Protein backbone atom coordinates (compact mmCIF):
# COMPACT_ATOMS: atom_id res chain seq x y z
CA MET A 1 -75.53 58.71 18.72
CA LYS A 2 -77.23 59.71 21.96
CA VAL A 3 -76.09 57.52 24.86
CA LYS A 4 -78.78 56.61 27.38
CA GLN A 5 -77.45 55.64 30.80
CA THR A 6 -79.25 54.84 34.06
CA ALA A 7 -76.48 53.06 35.99
CA GLY A 8 -75.91 56.03 38.30
CA ARG A 9 -79.54 56.32 39.28
CA ASP A 10 -79.93 52.56 39.55
CA ALA A 11 -76.98 52.19 41.94
CA LEU A 12 -76.81 55.55 43.75
CA GLY A 13 -80.06 57.36 43.02
CA GLU A 14 -81.13 57.48 46.67
CA PHE A 15 -77.71 57.62 48.32
CA ALA A 16 -76.05 60.21 46.04
CA PRO A 17 -78.64 61.64 43.64
CA LYS A 18 -76.42 64.49 42.41
CA PHE A 19 -73.57 62.14 41.54
CA ALA A 20 -76.03 59.82 39.82
CA GLN A 21 -77.41 62.72 37.77
CA LEU A 22 -73.93 63.87 36.75
CA ASN A 23 -72.92 60.33 35.78
CA ASP A 24 -76.03 59.59 33.71
CA ASP A 25 -76.92 62.98 32.23
CA VAL A 26 -73.58 64.77 31.91
CA LEU A 27 -70.86 62.12 31.52
CA PHE A 28 -72.91 59.81 29.30
CA GLY A 29 -75.76 62.05 28.17
CA GLU A 30 -73.48 64.92 27.06
CA VAL A 31 -69.78 63.94 26.96
CA TRP A 32 -70.22 60.45 25.50
CA SER A 33 -72.87 61.76 23.11
CA GLY A 34 -70.71 64.52 21.62
CA ASP A 35 -70.36 64.67 17.84
CA ALA A 36 -66.61 65.32 17.64
CA LEU A 37 -65.59 61.71 18.39
CA SER A 38 -67.27 58.43 17.48
CA LEU A 39 -68.43 56.05 20.21
CA LYS A 40 -65.74 53.61 19.08
CA THR A 41 -63.00 56.21 19.59
CA ARG A 42 -64.40 57.21 22.98
CA SER A 43 -64.42 53.57 24.06
CA MET A 44 -60.77 53.13 23.05
CA LEU A 45 -59.79 56.28 24.94
CA THR A 46 -61.69 55.18 28.05
CA VAL A 47 -60.13 51.71 28.06
CA THR A 48 -56.67 53.25 27.67
CA THR A 49 -57.24 55.64 30.57
CA LEU A 50 -58.57 52.96 32.93
CA VAL A 51 -55.66 50.61 32.17
CA SER A 52 -53.19 53.44 32.73
CA LYS A 53 -54.69 54.07 36.18
CA GLY A 54 -54.76 50.35 37.03
CA LEU A 55 -58.56 50.35 37.42
CA ILE A 56 -59.20 46.77 36.25
CA ASP A 57 -62.52 46.28 38.03
CA SER A 58 -66.21 45.85 37.18
CA SER A 59 -66.32 49.28 35.58
CA PHE A 60 -63.44 48.28 33.31
CA GLN A 61 -65.33 45.13 32.32
CA TYR A 62 -68.36 47.30 31.48
CA HIS A 63 -66.22 49.54 29.26
CA LEU A 64 -64.68 46.52 27.53
CA GLN A 65 -68.18 45.25 26.76
CA THR A 66 -69.17 48.72 25.57
CA ALA A 67 -66.06 48.92 23.39
CA LYS A 68 -66.97 45.61 21.79
CA ALA A 69 -70.55 46.79 21.18
CA ASN A 70 -69.17 50.03 19.71
CA GLY A 71 -67.18 48.12 17.11
CA VAL A 72 -63.74 47.62 18.67
CA THR A 73 -62.63 44.22 17.38
CA LYS A 74 -60.60 41.62 19.27
CA ALA A 75 -57.55 42.36 17.11
CA GLU A 76 -57.88 46.10 17.76
CA MET A 77 -58.27 45.58 21.51
CA ALA A 78 -55.21 43.30 21.62
CA GLU A 79 -53.16 45.90 19.72
CA LEU A 80 -54.43 48.71 21.96
CA LEU A 81 -53.51 46.88 25.19
CA THR A 82 -50.10 45.87 23.81
CA HIS A 83 -49.35 49.49 22.93
CA VAL A 84 -50.59 50.76 26.31
CA ALA A 85 -48.46 48.18 28.15
CA PHE A 86 -45.28 50.08 27.27
CA TYR A 87 -46.66 53.25 28.88
CA ALA A 88 -48.96 52.00 31.65
CA GLY A 89 -46.88 49.06 32.87
CA TRP A 90 -46.78 45.31 32.24
CA PRO A 91 -48.80 44.28 35.34
CA ASN A 92 -51.66 46.61 34.37
CA ALA A 93 -51.67 45.22 30.84
CA TRP A 94 -51.65 41.61 32.05
CA ALA A 95 -54.67 42.26 34.25
CA ALA A 96 -56.47 44.02 31.40
CA PHE A 97 -55.73 41.17 28.97
CA ARG A 98 -57.22 38.60 31.36
CA MET A 99 -60.52 40.47 31.48
CA ALA A 100 -60.46 41.30 27.76
CA LYS A 101 -60.13 37.59 26.92
CA GLU A 102 -63.33 36.90 28.86
CA VAL A 103 -65.25 39.69 27.10
CA TYR A 104 -63.96 38.79 23.62
CA ASN A 105 -64.11 35.00 23.97
CA ASP A 106 -66.90 34.91 21.36
CA ASP A 107 -65.51 37.63 19.09
CA GLY A 108 -66.65 37.12 15.52
CA LYS A 109 -69.76 35.21 16.61
CA PHE A 110 -72.34 37.82 15.80
CA GLY A 111 -76.05 37.40 16.23
CA GLY A 112 -76.43 37.71 20.00
CA LEU A 113 -77.84 34.89 22.11
CA PHE A 114 -79.40 33.01 19.21
CA GLY A 115 -76.53 33.16 16.72
CA LEU A 116 -76.09 34.62 13.27
CA GLY A 117 -78.39 32.43 11.21
CA GLU A 118 -78.29 32.32 7.41
CA PRO A 119 -77.81 35.12 4.86
CA ASN A 120 -81.16 36.85 4.37
CA THR A 121 -81.18 36.24 0.62
CA ALA A 122 -84.97 36.17 0.25
CA TYR A 123 -85.21 39.84 1.26
CA ALA A 124 -81.77 41.02 0.12
CA ARG A 125 -83.31 43.35 -2.48
CA TYR A 126 -84.90 45.34 0.35
CA PHE A 127 -81.62 45.86 2.24
CA ILE A 128 -78.45 47.88 1.77
CA GLY A 129 -75.63 45.65 2.98
CA ASN A 130 -75.78 42.11 4.33
CA SER A 131 -78.32 40.88 6.84
CA TYR A 132 -78.83 37.48 8.43
CA LEU A 133 -82.01 35.71 9.52
CA LYS A 134 -82.61 32.96 12.08
CA PRO A 135 -86.28 32.03 12.59
CA LEU A 136 -87.03 31.23 16.23
CA THR A 137 -90.63 30.01 15.95
CA ASN A 138 -92.93 28.40 13.41
CA PRO A 139 -95.56 30.93 12.24
CA LYS A 140 -97.98 28.06 11.56
CA GLU A 141 -97.94 27.17 15.25
CA THR A 142 -97.57 30.46 17.15
CA VAL A 143 -96.47 34.10 16.94
CA PHE A 144 -93.57 34.39 14.49
CA MET A 145 -90.26 35.54 15.95
CA ALA A 146 -86.94 35.80 14.15
CA ASN A 147 -83.41 36.82 15.09
CA VAL A 148 -82.22 39.45 12.58
CA THR A 149 -78.58 40.58 12.40
CA PHE A 150 -77.22 43.51 10.38
CA GLU A 151 -73.57 44.03 9.49
CA PRO A 152 -72.22 47.57 10.06
CA LYS A 153 -74.00 50.14 7.84
CA CYS A 154 -76.65 47.60 6.81
CA ARG A 155 -80.26 48.81 6.92
CA ASN A 156 -83.55 47.85 5.39
CA ASN A 157 -85.57 50.07 3.06
CA TRP A 158 -88.32 52.32 4.26
CA HIS A 159 -91.35 50.07 4.68
CA ILE A 160 -94.85 49.86 6.16
CA HIS A 161 -96.53 46.96 7.94
CA ARG A 162 -100.10 46.48 6.76
CA ALA A 163 -103.04 44.57 8.30
CA GLU A 164 -106.82 44.71 8.22
CA GLN A 165 -106.87 44.07 11.97
CA GLY A 166 -104.12 43.93 14.60
CA GLY A 167 -100.64 43.47 13.21
CA GLY A 168 -97.52 45.55 13.56
CA GLN A 169 -94.10 44.51 14.81
CA ILE A 170 -92.01 44.59 18.00
CA LEU A 171 -88.21 44.81 17.97
CA LEU A 172 -86.29 43.44 20.97
CA CYS A 173 -82.71 44.72 20.71
CA THR A 174 -80.15 42.20 21.95
CA ASP A 175 -76.67 43.00 20.62
CA GLY A 176 -74.64 45.87 19.16
CA CYS A 177 -75.80 49.35 18.18
CA GLY A 178 -78.45 50.30 15.66
CA TRP A 179 -81.00 52.84 14.47
CA TYR A 180 -84.78 53.04 14.14
CA GLN A 181 -86.55 55.90 12.39
CA GLU A 182 -90.14 56.74 11.56
CA TRP A 183 -90.94 58.99 8.62
CA GLY A 184 -90.83 62.66 9.62
CA LYS A 185 -89.29 61.96 13.05
CA PRO A 186 -85.69 61.96 14.37
CA ALA A 187 -83.85 58.64 14.33
CA GLN A 188 -83.70 56.69 17.58
CA ALA A 189 -80.45 55.02 18.66
CA LEU A 190 -80.87 51.39 19.70
CA ARG A 191 -78.86 49.36 22.19
CA PRO A 192 -79.31 46.00 23.92
CA GLY A 193 -82.40 46.12 26.12
CA ASP A 194 -84.29 48.64 24.00
CA VAL A 195 -87.77 47.71 22.79
CA VAL A 196 -89.51 49.29 19.80
CA TYR A 197 -93.19 48.88 18.94
CA ILE A 198 -94.01 49.60 15.28
CA PRO A 199 -97.72 50.17 14.64
CA VAL A 200 -99.47 49.25 11.43
CA GLY A 201 -99.34 51.99 8.79
CA VAL A 202 -96.14 53.69 10.02
CA LYS A 203 -93.39 54.24 7.44
CA HIS A 204 -90.03 53.38 9.00
CA TRP A 205 -86.64 51.67 8.70
CA HIS A 206 -84.13 50.05 11.04
CA GLY A 207 -80.57 48.78 10.82
CA ALA A 208 -77.04 48.84 12.21
CA ALA A 209 -74.86 51.77 13.18
CA ALA A 210 -71.93 52.52 10.87
CA ASP A 211 -69.30 50.99 13.16
CA SER A 212 -71.22 48.16 14.84
CA TRP A 213 -73.01 44.92 14.10
CA PHE A 214 -76.59 44.98 15.36
CA THR A 215 -79.08 42.26 16.29
CA HIS A 216 -82.74 42.41 17.23
CA ILE A 217 -85.51 39.87 17.59
CA ALA A 218 -88.42 40.78 15.33
CA VAL A 219 -91.81 39.77 16.74
CA GLU A 220 -94.72 39.70 14.31
CA CYS A 221 -97.84 40.88 16.14
CA PRO A 222 -100.90 38.74 15.29
CA GLY A 223 -103.31 40.23 12.78
CA VAL A 224 -105.57 39.66 9.80
CA ASN A 225 -104.30 39.77 6.20
CA MET A 226 -100.88 41.09 7.14
CA SER A 227 -98.27 42.22 4.59
CA ASN A 228 -95.24 44.45 4.20
CA GLU A 229 -95.11 47.34 1.75
CA TRP A 230 -91.47 47.86 0.76
CA LEU A 231 -90.52 51.37 -0.33
CA GLU A 232 -87.41 53.33 -1.30
CA PRO A 233 -83.95 52.67 0.21
CA VAL A 234 -82.52 54.84 2.97
CA SER A 235 -80.03 56.94 1.03
CA ASP A 236 -76.37 57.27 2.05
CA GLU A 237 -77.01 60.97 2.66
CA GLN A 238 -79.87 60.21 5.07
CA TYR A 239 -77.93 57.46 6.80
CA ASN A 240 -74.49 59.06 7.08
CA CYS A 241 -75.79 62.16 8.86
CA LEU A 242 -76.88 59.90 11.77
CA ASN A 243 -73.40 58.56 12.40
CA LYS A 244 -71.45 61.81 12.59
């Protein structure tokens, strides 16, 4: 999964542009995006290294949050820090645990800001894996918006949004890691803060990464005589090649 990072340019773009470029494009754009290790494994290695060096600061908090988004569970993080304590020192581990408790204080509560919602049973036949739906607005009163959460590996079938006028959909990504793909184009990795506009008539799918829960808000763009055309599932072969 390609990692997109702008923190270097945001913080140091004018003061140290070369460092910012190396941080964003090389460290994250190339090293973190390598195929040999998963993002989850890279997060666990990074947390281990920072604890070993005693760097329990804002950057460590960022990497704890990234580890959680990349699928490292609370139990796994606790086991990792316990193991590291015997090699990196008890004081370092204590400091790391304090920050990890803050980051993981809602572990298991998937669904982002708006919560998990209910099992998406009405559309289950169009999904591989379990998804959850929490309507946020009443479509009879305003634009329809819903919080949609996918468990790891869950994705919807290829589908097309139809409308005589207007229509389409906007995805506002809020939690975890996921994928979006249009027919005939490379898949696009999704992270919190990403926005996807899906025009009418475009065949596509979206869902979670293999090792992460994923949540987006689906916004139904106003239109006339709107409908969804559900098509074939995204095969395991198609999906698994994205997560290598």
